Amino acid sequence: SFRSDTRPPYLPGQLIRDDPSAHPPNSKQMTIPVLEDLG
């Protein structure tokens, strides 16, 4: 489950972020782009 208004904003070259809920080497996640990012 997620909330629509908690997604981080787009930052150039920073789609890959740390996932605080996971442990290395699986502690990286990619923020899937959405339409909001394209504008």
PDB file of all heavy atoms in Angstrom:
ATOM      1  N   SER A   1       0.837  -1.199   0.000  1.00  0.00           N
ATOM      2  CA  SER A   1       0.000   0.000   0.000  1.00  0.00           C
ATOM      3  C   SER A   1       0.872   1.249   0.000  1.00  0.00           C
ATOM      4  O   SER A   1       1.940   1.268   0.626  1.00  0.00           O
ATOM      5  CB  SER A   1      -0.919   0.014   1.226  1.00  0.00           C
ATOM      6  OG  SER A   1      -1.798  -1.085   1.216  1.00  0.00           O
ATOM      7  N   PHE A   2       0.413   2.275  -0.692  1.00  0.00           N
ATOM      8  CA  PHE A   2       1.169   3.518  -0.795  1.00  0.00           C
ATOM      9  C   PHE A   2       0.202   4.692  -0.785  1.00  0.00           C
ATOM     10  O   PHE A   2      -0.992   4.539  -1.009  1.00  0.00           O
ATOM     11  CB  PHE A   2       1.993   3.559  -2.085  1.00  0.00           C
ATOM     12  CG  PHE A   2       2.982   2.446  -2.233  1.00  0.00           C
ATOM     13  CD1 PHE A   2       2.638   1.270  -2.893  1.00  0.00           C
ATOM     14  CD2 PHE A   2       4.254   2.563  -1.706  1.00  0.00           C
ATOM     15  CE1 PHE A   2       3.542   0.244  -3.041  1.00  0.00           C
ATOM     16  CE2 PHE A   2       5.175   1.538  -1.847  1.00  0.00           C
ATOM     17  CZ  PHE A   2       4.817   0.377  -2.517  1.00  0.00           C
ATOM     18  N   ARG A   3       0.752   5.889  -0.548  1.00  0.00           N
ATOM     19  CA  ARG A   3       0.009   7.136  -0.698  1.00  0.00           C
ATOM     20  C   ARG A   3       0.486   7.842  -1.954  1.00  0.00           C
ATOM     21  O   ARG A   3       1.668   7.824  -2.287  1.00  0.00           O
ATOM     22  CB  ARG A   3       0.221   8.047   0.513  1.00  0.00           C
ATOM     23  CG  ARG A   3      -0.636   7.718   1.713  1.00  0.00           C
ATOM     24  CD  ARG A   3      -0.398   8.738   2.814  1.00  0.00           C
ATOM     25  NE  ARG A   3      -0.686  10.109   2.374  1.00  0.00           N
ATOM     26  CZ  ARG A   3      -1.468  10.953   3.038  1.00  0.00           C
ATOM     27  NH1 ARG A   3      -2.046  10.558   4.157  1.00  0.00           N
ATOM     28  NH2 ARG A   3      -1.667  12.168   2.606  1.00  0.00           N
ATOM     29  N   SER A   4      -0.444   8.506  -2.623  1.00  0.00           N
ATOM     30  CA  SER A   4      -0.098   9.156  -3.887  1.00  0.00           C
ATOM     31  C   SER A   4       0.789  10.374  -3.713  1.00  0.00           C
ATOM     32  O   SER A   4       1.517  10.750  -4.633  1.00  0.00           O
ATOM     33  CB  SER A   4      -1.385   9.578  -4.608  1.00  0.00           C
ATOM     34  OG  SER A   4      -2.057  10.605  -3.881  1.00  0.00           O
ATOM     35  N   ASP A   5       0.743  11.016  -2.535  1.00  0.00           N
ATOM     36  CA  ASP A   5       1.427  12.293  -2.354  1.00  0.00           C
ATOM     37  C   ASP A   5       2.759  12.173  -1.620  1.00  0.00           C
ATOM     38  O   ASP A   5       3.290  13.176  -1.127  1.00  0.00           O
ATOM     39  CB  ASP A   5       0.527  13.284  -1.623  1.00  0.00           C
ATOM     40  CG  ASP A   5       0.016  12.746  -0.290  1.00  0.00           C
ATOM     41  OD1 ASP A   5       0.243  11.554  -0.006  1.00  0.00           O
ATOM     42  OD2 ASP A   5      -0.604  13.524   0.463  1.00  0.00           O
ATOM     43  N   THR A   6       3.322  10.980  -1.537  1.00  0.00           N
ATOM     44  CA  THR A   6       4.603  10.804  -0.830  1.00  0.00           C
ATOM     45  C   THR A   6       5.743  10.442  -1.765  1.00  0.00           C
ATOM     46  O   THR A   6       6.842  10.160  -1.311  1.00  0.00           O
ATOM     47  CB  THR A   6       4.477   9.708   0.243  1.00  0.00           C
ATOM     48  OG1 THR A   6       4.073   8.470  -0.377  1.00  0.00           O
ATOM     49  CG2 THR A   6       3.444  10.101   1.290  1.00  0.00           C
ATOM     50  N   ARG A   7       5.490  10.459  -3.040  1.00  0.00           N
ATOM     51  CA  ARG A   7       6.521  10.070  -3.996  1.00  0.00           C
ATOM     52  C   ARG A   7       7.576  11.172  -4.118  1.00  0.00           C
ATOM     53  O   ARG A   7       7.246  12.351  -4.226  1.00  0.00           O
ATOM     54  CB  ARG A   7       5.878   9.824  -5.362  1.00  0.00           C
ATOM     55  CG  ARG A   7       6.809   9.219  -6.393  1.00  0.00           C
ATOM     56  CD  ARG A   7       6.051   8.966  -7.690  1.00  0.00           C
ATOM     57  NE  ARG A   7       6.928   8.375  -8.668  1.00  0.00           N
ATOM     58  CZ  ARG A   7       7.804   9.082  -9.398  1.00  0.00           C
ATOM     59  NH1 ARG A   7       7.870  10.379  -9.237  1.00  0.00           N
ATOM     60  NH2 ARG A   7       8.587   8.484 -10.260  1.00  0.00           N
ATOM     61  N   PRO A   8       8.881  10.815  -4.119  1.00  0.00           N
ATOM     62  CA  PRO A   8       9.923  11.844  -4.227  1.00  0.00           C
ATOM     63  C   PRO A   8       9.925  12.498  -5.601  1.00  0.00           C
ATOM     64  O   PRO A   8       9.555  11.870  -6.600  1.00  0.00           O
ATOM     65  CB  PRO A   8      11.216  11.054  -3.989  1.00  0.00           C
ATOM     66  CG  PRO A   8      10.887   9.649  -4.387  1.00  0.00           C
ATOM     67  CD  PRO A   8       9.448   9.459  -4.001  1.00  0.00           C
ATOM     68  N   PRO A   9      10.321  13.768  -5.681  1.00  0.00           N
ATOM     69  CA  PRO A   9      10.346  14.467  -6.973  1.00  0.00           C
ATOM     70  C   PRO A   9      11.470  13.956  -7.858  1.00  0.00           C
ATOM     71  O   PRO A   9      12.451  13.372  -7.382  1.00  0.00           O
ATOM     72  CB  PRO A   9      10.572  15.927  -6.570  1.00  0.00           C
ATOM     73  CG  PRO A   9      11.329  15.835  -5.282  1.00  0.00           C
ATOM     74  CD  PRO A   9      10.776  14.633  -4.573  1.00  0.00           C
ATOM     75  N   TYR A  10      11.333  14.188  -9.156  1.00  0.00           N
ATOM     76  CA  TYR A  10      12.378  13.820 -10.104  1.00  0.00           C
ATOM     77  C   TYR A  10      13.600  14.711  -9.922  1.00  0.00           C
ATOM     78  O   TYR A  10      13.485  15.926  -9.767  1.00  0.00           O
ATOM     79  CB  TYR A  10      11.866  13.949 -11.542  1.00  0.00           C
ATOM     80  CG  TYR A  10      12.978  13.868 -12.559  1.00  0.00           C
ATOM     81  CD1 TYR A  10      13.485  12.636 -12.958  1.00  0.00           C
ATOM     82  CD2 TYR A  10      13.560  15.030 -13.081  1.00  0.00           C
ATOM     83  CE1 TYR A  10      14.529  12.557 -13.867  1.00  0.00           C
ATOM     84  CE2 TYR A  10      14.595  14.951 -14.004  1.00  0.00           C
ATOM     85  CZ  TYR A  10      15.081  13.719 -14.386  1.00  0.00           C
ATOM     86  OH  TYR A  10      16.128  13.638 -15.275  1.00  0.00           O
ATOM     87  N   LEU A  11      14.782  14.093  -9.945  1.00  0.00           N
ATOM     88  CA  LEU A  11      16.052  14.808  -9.925  1.00  0.00           C
ATOM     89  C   LEU A  11      16.926  14.240 -11.031  1.00  0.00           C
ATOM     90  O   LEU A  11      17.089  13.015 -11.114  1.00  0.00           O
ATOM     91  CB  LEU A  11      16.759  14.659  -8.570  1.00  0.00           C
ATOM     92  CG  LEU A  11      16.047  15.260  -7.355  1.00  0.00           C
ATOM     93  CD1 LEU A  11      16.778  14.881  -6.073  1.00  0.00           C
ATOM     94  CD2 LEU A  11      15.959  16.778  -7.488  1.00  0.00           C
ATOM     95  N   PRO A  12      17.470  15.070 -11.930  1.00  0.00           N
ATOM     96  CA  PRO A  12      18.262  14.561 -13.039  1.00  0.00           C
ATOM     97  C   PRO A  12      19.399  13.654 -12.567  1.00  0.00           C
ATOM     98  O   PRO A  12      20.177  14.015 -11.685  1.00  0.00           O
ATOM     99  CB  PRO A  12      18.805  15.838 -13.699  1.00  0.00           C
ATOM    100  CG  PRO A  12      17.817  16.898 -13.329  1.00  0.00           C
ATOM    101  CD  PRO A  12      17.358  16.544 -11.941  1.00  0.00           C
ATOM    102  N   GLY A  13      19.468  12.466 -13.153  1.00  0.00           N
ATOM    103  CA  GLY A  13      20.548  11.541 -12.828  1.00  0.00           C
ATOM    104  C   GLY A  13      20.456  10.925 -11.457  1.00  0.00           C
ATOM    105  O   GLY A  13      21.427  10.325 -10.982  1.00  0.00           O
ATOM    106  N   GLN A  14      19.306  11.020 -10.799  1.00  0.00           N
ATOM    107  CA  GLN A  14      19.176  10.492  -9.434  1.00  0.00           C
ATOM    108  C   GLN A  14      17.918   9.635  -9.288  1.00  0.00           C
ATOM    109  O   GLN A  14      17.211   9.700  -8.286  1.00  0.00           O
ATOM    110  CB  GLN A  14      19.165  11.637  -8.423  1.00  0.00           C
ATOM    111  CG  GLN A  14      20.455  12.443  -8.404  1.00  0.00           C
ATOM    112  CD  GLN A  14      20.462  13.504  -7.323  1.00  0.00           C
ATOM    113  OE1 GLN A  14      20.048  13.259  -6.184  1.00  0.00           O
ATOM    114  NE2 GLN A  14      20.926  14.701  -7.672  1.00  0.00           N
ATOM    115  N   LEU A  15      17.659   8.789 -10.307  1.00  0.00           N
ATOM    116  CA  LEU A  15      16.524   7.878 -10.214  1.00  0.00           C
ATOM    117  C   LEU A  15      16.812   6.722  -9.262  1.00  0.00           C
ATOM    118  O   LEU A  15      15.894   6.111  -8.724  1.00  0.00           O
ATOM    119  CB  LEU A  15      16.190   7.313 -11.596  1.00  0.00           C
ATOM    120  CG  LEU A  15      15.571   8.289 -12.605  1.00  0.00           C
ATOM    121  CD1 LEU A  15      15.294   7.559 -13.901  1.00  0.00           C
ATOM    122  CD2 LEU A  15      14.295   8.889 -12.062  1.00  0.00           C
ATOM    123  N   ILE A  16      18.095   6.404  -9.072  1.00  0.00           N
ATOM    124  CA  ILE A  16      18.473   5.312  -8.185  1.00  0.00           C
ATOM    125  C   ILE A  16      18.708   5.885  -6.794  1.00  0.00           C
ATOM    126  O   ILE A  16      19.544   6.767  -6.598  1.00  0.00           O
ATOM    127  CB  ILE A  16      19.740   4.599  -8.686  1.00  0.00           C
ATOM    128  CG1 ILE A  16      19.582   4.210 -10.167  1.00  0.00           C
ATOM    129  CG2 ILE A  16      20.029   3.383  -7.834  1.00  0.00           C
ATOM    130  CD1 ILE A  16      18.433   3.269 -10.432  1.00  0.00           C
ATOM    131  N   ARG A  17      17.969   5.382  -5.820  1.00  0.00           N
ATOM    132  CA  ARG A  17      18.057   5.899  -4.459  1.00  0.00           C
ATOM    133  C   ARG A  17      18.235   4.762  -3.471  1.00  0.00           C
ATOM    134  O   ARG A  17      17.965   3.595  -3.779  1.00  0.00           O
ATOM    135  CB  ARG A  17      16.792   6.697  -4.118  1.00  0.00           C
ATOM    136  CG  ARG A  17      16.595   7.971  -4.946  1.00  0.00           C
ATOM    137  CD  ARG A  17      15.292   8.648  -4.557  1.00  0.00           C
ATOM    138  NE  ARG A  17      15.161   9.979  -5.131  1.00  0.00           N
ATOM    139  CZ  ARG A  17      14.577  10.241  -6.280  1.00  0.00           C
ATOM    140  NH1 ARG A  17      14.099   9.254  -6.999  1.00  0.00           N
ATOM    141  NH2 ARG A  17      14.485  11.481  -6.735  1.00  0.00           N
ATOM    142  N   ASP A  18      18.684   5.123  -2.265  1.00  0.00           N
ATOM    143  CA  ASP A  18      18.816   4.140  -1.190  1.00  0.00           C
ATOM    144  C   ASP A  18      17.442   3.770  -0.660  1.00  0.00           C
ATOM    145  O   ASP A  18      16.572   4.626  -0.491  1.00  0.00           O
ATOM    146  CB  ASP A  18      19.672   4.698  -0.053  1.00  0.00           C
ATOM    147  CG  ASP A  18      21.142   4.812  -0.444  1.00  0.00           C
ATOM    148  OD1 ASP A  18      21.630   3.896  -1.124  1.00  0.00           O
ATOM    149  OD2 ASP A  18      21.776   5.812  -0.078  1.00  0.00           O
ATOM    150  N   ASP A  19      17.261   2.474  -0.387  1.00  0.00           N
ATOM    151  CA  ASP A  19      16.037   1.978   0.219  1.00  0.00           C
ATOM    152  C   ASP A  19      16.327   1.688   1.691  1.00  0.00           C
ATOM    153  O   ASP A  19      16.996   0.701   2.010  1.00  0.00           O
ATOM    154  CB  ASP A  19      15.573   0.706  -0.494  1.00  0.00           C
ATOM    155  CG  ASP A  19      14.272   0.161   0.085  1.00  0.00           C
ATOM    156  OD1 ASP A  19      13.739   0.775   1.028  1.00  0.00           O
ATOM    157  OD2 ASP A  19      13.800  -0.878  -0.415  1.00  0.00           O
ATOM    158  N   PRO A  20      15.868   2.528   2.606  1.00  0.00           N
ATOM    159  CA  PRO A  20      16.194   2.352   4.026  1.00  0.00           C
ATOM    160  C   PRO A  20      15.623   1.070   4.623  1.00  0.00           C
ATOM    161  O   PRO A  20      16.067   0.629   5.681  1.00  0.00           O
ATOM    162  CB  PRO A  20      15.579   3.593   4.693  1.00  0.00           C
ATOM    163  CG  PRO A  20      14.513   4.045   3.757  1.00  0.00           C
ATOM    164  CD  PRO A  20      14.999   3.702   2.383  1.00  0.00           C
ATOM    165  N   SER A  21      14.672   0.447   3.950  1.00  0.00           N
ATOM    166  CA  SER A  21      14.063  -0.767   4.487  1.00  0.00           C
ATOM    167  C   SER A  21      14.791  -2.025   4.069  1.00  0.00           C
ATOM    168  O   SER A  21      14.433  -3.121   4.508  1.00  0.00           O
ATOM    169  CB  SER A  21      12.598  -0.853   4.031  1.00  0.00           C
ATOM    170  OG  SER A  21      12.522  -1.006   2.617  1.00  0.00           O
ATOM    171  N   ALA A  22      15.817  -1.907   3.211  1.00  0.00           N
ATOM    172  CA  ALA A  22      16.539  -3.083   2.717  1.00  0.00           C
ATOM    173  C   ALA A  22      18.002  -3.015   3.133  1.00  0.00           C
ATOM    174  O   ALA A  22      18.506  -1.969   3.564  1.00  0.00           O
ATOM    175  CB  ALA A  22      16.420  -3.179   1.201  1.00  0.00           C
ATOM    176  N   HIS A  23      18.689  -4.131   2.992  1.00  0.00           N
ATOM    177  CA  HIS A  23      20.094  -4.233   3.359  1.00  0.00           C
ATOM    178  C   HIS A  23      20.948  -4.481   2.111  1.00  0.00           C
ATOM    179  O   HIS A  23      20.474  -5.094   1.152  1.00  0.00           O
ATOM    180  CB  HIS A  23      20.308  -5.374   4.354  1.00  0.00           C
ATOM    181  CG  HIS A  23      19.525  -5.216   5.632  1.00  0.00           C
ATOM    182  ND1 HIS A  23      19.877  -4.311   6.608  1.00  0.00           N
ATOM    183  CD2 HIS A  23      18.401  -5.835   6.066  1.00  0.00           C
ATOM    184  CE1 HIS A  23      19.006  -4.378   7.605  1.00  0.00           C
ATOM    185  NE2 HIS A  23      18.101  -5.299   7.297  1.00  0.00           N
ATOM    186  N   PRO A  24      22.208  -4.008   2.113  1.00  0.00           N
ATOM    187  CA  PRO A  24      23.091  -4.247   0.976  1.00  0.00           C
ATOM    188  C   PRO A  24      23.220  -5.745   0.721  1.00  0.00           C
ATOM    189  O   PRO A  24      23.153  -6.538   1.671  1.00  0.00           O
ATOM    190  CB  PRO A  24      24.427  -3.628   1.437  1.00  0.00           C
ATOM    191  CG  PRO A  24      24.027  -2.637   2.486  1.00  0.00           C
ATOM    192  CD  PRO A  24      22.830  -3.240   3.166  1.00  0.00           C
ATOM    193  N   PRO A  25      23.399  -6.196  -0.543  1.00  0.00           N
ATOM    194  CA  PRO A  25      23.531  -5.352  -1.748  1.00  0.00           C
ATOM    195  C   PRO A  25      22.211  -4.984  -2.393  1.00  0.00           C
ATOM    196  O   PRO A  25      22.185  -4.517  -3.516  1.00  0.00           O
ATOM    197  CB  PRO A  25      24.347  -6.269  -2.671  1.00  0.00           C
ATOM    198  CG  PRO A  25      23.846  -7.645  -2.323  1.00  0.00           C
ATOM    199  CD  PRO A  25      23.590  -7.631  -0.845  1.00  0.00           C
ATOM    200  N   ASN A  26      21.100  -5.235  -1.707  1.00  0.00           N
ATOM    201  CA  ASN A  26      19.772  -4.962  -2.272  1.00  0.00           C
ATOM    202  C   ASN A  26      19.174  -3.675  -1.729  1.00  0.00           C
ATOM    203  O   ASN A  26      17.956  -3.538  -1.640  1.00  0.00           O
ATOM    204  CB  ASN A  26      18.835  -6.138  -1.981  1.00  0.00           C
ATOM    205  CG  ASN A  26      19.329  -7.432  -2.578  1.00  0.00           C
ATOM    206  OD1 ASN A  26      19.739  -7.476  -3.733  1.00  0.00           O
ATOM    207  ND2 ASN A  26      19.293  -8.503  -1.790  1.00  0.00           N
ATOM    208  N   SER A  27      20.026  -2.731  -1.347  1.00  0.00           N
ATOM    209  CA  SER A  27      19.536  -1.511  -0.704  1.00  0.00           C
ATOM    210  C   SER A  27      19.325  -0.362  -1.685  1.00  0.00           C
ATOM    211  O   SER A  27      19.123   0.773  -1.276  1.00  0.00           O
ATOM    212  CB  SER A  27      20.528  -1.068   0.382  1.00  0.00           C
ATOM    213  OG  SER A  27      21.812  -0.861  -0.176  1.00  0.00           O
ATOM    214  N   LYS A  28      19.394  -0.644  -2.978  1.00  0.00           N
ATOM    215  CA  LYS A  28      19.151   0.375  -3.992  1.00  0.00           C
ATOM    216  C   LYS A  28      17.829   0.095  -4.686  1.00  0.00           C
ATOM    217  O   LYS A  28      17.450  -1.059  -4.902  1.00  0.00           O
ATOM    218  CB  LYS A  28      20.282   0.380  -5.032  1.00  0.00           C
ATOM    219  CG  LYS A  28      21.653   0.713  -4.479  1.00  0.00           C
ATOM    220  CD  LYS A  28      21.777   2.175  -4.100  1.00  0.00           C
ATOM    221  CE  LYS A  28      23.194   2.514  -3.669  1.00  0.00           C
ATOM    222  NZ  LYS A  28      23.330   3.940  -3.300  1.00  0.00           N
ATOM    223  N   GLN A  29      17.111   1.158  -5.015  1.00  0.00           N
ATOM    224  CA  GLN A  29      15.859   1.004  -5.740  1.00  0.00           C
ATOM    225  C   GLN A  29      15.751   2.100  -6.787  1.00  0.00           C
ATOM    226  O   GLN A  29      16.307   3.188  -6.639  1.00  0.00           O
ATOM    227  CB  GLN A  29      14.661   1.065  -4.801  1.00  0.00           C
ATOM    228  CG  GLN A  29      14.483   2.398  -4.097  1.00  0.00           C
ATOM    229  CD  GLN A  29      13.269   2.427  -3.183  1.00  0.00           C
ATOM    230  OE1 GLN A  29      12.608   1.419  -3.004  1.00  0.00           O
ATOM    231  NE2 GLN A  29      12.979   3.577  -2.606  1.00  0.00           N
ATOM    232  N   MET A  30      15.035   1.776  -7.858  1.00  0.00           N
ATOM    233  CA  MET A  30      14.802   2.749  -8.919  1.00  0.00           C
ATOM    234  C   MET A  30      13.404   3.306  -8.765  1.00  0.00           C
ATOM    235  O   MET A  30      12.432   2.562  -8.629  1.00  0.00           O
ATOM    236  CB  MET A  30      14.947   2.100 -10.301  1.00  0.00           C
ATOM    237  CG  MET A  30      14.605   3.033 -11.458  1.00  0.00           C
ATOM    238  SD  MET A  30      14.723   2.218 -13.063  1.00  0.00           S
ATOM    239  CE  MET A  30      14.094   3.525 -14.140  1.00  0.00           C
ATOM    240  N   THR A  31      13.297   4.621  -8.742  1.00  0.00           N
ATOM    241  CA  THR A  31      11.996   5.268  -8.689  1.00  0.00           C
ATOM    242  C   THR A  31      11.394   5.243 -10.087  1.00  0.00           C
ATOM    243  O   THR A  31      11.924   5.855 -11.013  1.00  0.00           O
ATOM    244  CB  THR A  31      12.117   6.721  -8.207  1.00  0.00           C
ATOM    245  OG1 THR A  31      12.730   6.739  -6.916  1.00  0.00           O
ATOM    246  CG2 THR A  31      10.746   7.378  -8.114  1.00  0.00           C
ATOM    247  N   ILE A  32      10.300   4.503 -10.264  1.00  0.00           N
ATOM    248  CA  ILE A  32       9.689   4.371 -11.577  1.00  0.00           C
ATOM    249  C   ILE A  32       9.111   5.719 -12.007  1.00  0.00           C
ATOM    250  O   ILE A  32       8.312   6.314 -11.280  1.00  0.00           O
ATOM    251  CB  ILE A  32       8.579   3.308 -11.560  1.00  0.00           C
ATOM    252  CG1 ILE A  32       9.180   1.942 -11.216  1.00  0.00           C
ATOM    253  CG2 ILE A  32       7.853   3.244 -12.895  1.00  0.00           C
ATOM    254  CD1 ILE A  32       8.148   0.858 -11.042  1.00  0.00           C
ATOM    255  N   PRO A  33       9.488   6.238 -13.172  1.00  0.00           N
ATOM    256  CA  PRO A  33       8.963   7.524 -13.627  1.00  0.00           C
ATOM    257  C   PRO A  33       7.457   7.456 -13.853  1.00  0.00           C
ATOM    258  O   PRO A  33       6.893   6.411 -14.173  1.00  0.00           O
ATOM    259  CB  PRO A  33       9.707   7.761 -14.950  1.00  0.00           C
ATOM    260  CG  PRO A  33      10.891   6.855 -14.886  1.00  0.00           C
ATOM    261  CD  PRO A  33      10.463   5.662 -14.097  1.00  0.00           C
ATOM    262  N   VAL A  34       6.792   8.587 -13.672  1.00  0.00           N
ATOM    263  CA  VAL A  34       5.362   8.711 -13.918  1.00  0.00           C
ATOM    264  C   VAL A  34       5.122   9.950 -14.767  1.00  0.00           C
ATOM    265  O   VAL A  34       6.041  10.719 -15.040  1.00  0.00           O
ATOM    266  CB  VAL A  34       4.573   8.786 -12.585  1.00  0.00           C
ATOM    267  CG1 VAL A  34       4.648   7.476 -11.822  1.00  0.00           C
ATOM    268  CG2 VAL A  34       5.084   9.931 -11.725  1.00  0.00           C
ATOM    269  N   LEU A  35       3.872  10.151 -15.169  1.00  0.00           N
ATOM    270  CA  LEU A  35       3.543  11.299 -16.008  1.00  0.00           C
ATOM    271  C   LEU A  35       3.940  12.606 -15.362  1.00  0.00           C
ATOM    272  O   LEU A  35       4.408  13.531 -16.029  1.00  0.00           O
ATOM    273  CB  LEU A  35       2.043  11.315 -16.305  1.00  0.00           C
ATOM    274  CG  LEU A  35       1.511  10.277 -17.285  1.00  0.00           C
ATOM    275  CD1 LEU A  35       0.017  10.456 -17.460  1.00  0.00           C
ATOM    276  CD2 LEU A  35       2.225  10.372 -18.610  1.00  0.00           C
ATOM    277  N   GLU A  36       3.754  12.693 -14.057  1.00  0.00           N
ATOM    278  CA  GLU A  36       4.099  13.914 -13.333  1.00  0.00           C
ATOM    279  C   GLU A  36       5.541  14.319 -13.583  1.00  0.00           C
ATOM    280  O   GLU A  36       5.858  15.504 -13.728  1.00  0.00           O
ATOM    281  CB  GLU A  36       3.853  13.704 -11.840  1.00  0.00           C
ATOM    282  CG  GLU A  36       4.137  14.929 -10.984  1.00  0.00           C
ATOM    283  CD  GLU A  36       3.956  14.636  -9.506  1.00  0.00           C
ATOM    284  OE1 GLU A  36       3.485  13.530  -9.175  1.00  0.00           O
ATOM    285  OE2 GLU A  36       4.293  15.509  -8.697  1.00  0.00           O
ATOM    286  N   ASP A  37       6.440  13.344 -13.652  1.00  0.00           N
ATOM    287  CA  ASP A  37       7.851  13.633 -13.906  1.00  0.00           C
ATOM    288  C   ASP A  37       8.059  14.278 -15.276  1.00  0.00           C
ATOM    289  O   ASP A  37       8.907  15.161 -15.443  1.00  0.00           O
ATOM    290  CB  ASP A  37       8.682  12.345 -13.830  1.00  0.00           C
ATOM    291  CG  ASP A  37       8.732  11.766 -12.429  1.00  0.00           C
ATOM    292  OD1 ASP A  37       8.676  12.549 -11.467  1.00  0.00           O
ATOM    293  OD2 ASP A  37       8.815  10.536 -12.296  1.00  0.00           O
ATOM    294  N   LEU A  38       7.290  13.832 -16.271  1.00  0.00           N
ATOM    295  CA  LEU A  38       7.489  14.323 -17.633  1.00  0.00           C
ATOM    296  C   LEU A  38       7.120  15.792 -17.784  1.00  0.00           C
ATOM    297  O   LEU A  38       7.507  16.426 -18.756  1.00  0.00           O
ATOM    298  CB  LEU A  38       6.678  13.486 -18.622  1.00  0.00           C
ATOM    299  CG  LEU A  38       6.985  11.987 -18.635  1.00  0.00           C
ATOM    300  CD1 LEU A  38       6.218  11.295 -19.745  1.00  0.00           C
ATOM    301  CD2 LEU A  38       8.470  11.716 -18.767  1.00  0.00           C
ATOM    302  N   GLY A  39       6.374  16.333 -16.826  1.00  0.00           N
ATOM    303  CA  GLY A  39       6.053  17.754 -16.854  1.00  0.00           C
ATOM    304  C   GLY A  39       6.874  18.567 -15.890  1.00  0.00           C
ATOM    305  O   GLY A  39       6.708  19.789 -15.803  1.00  0.00           O
TER     306      GLY A  39
END
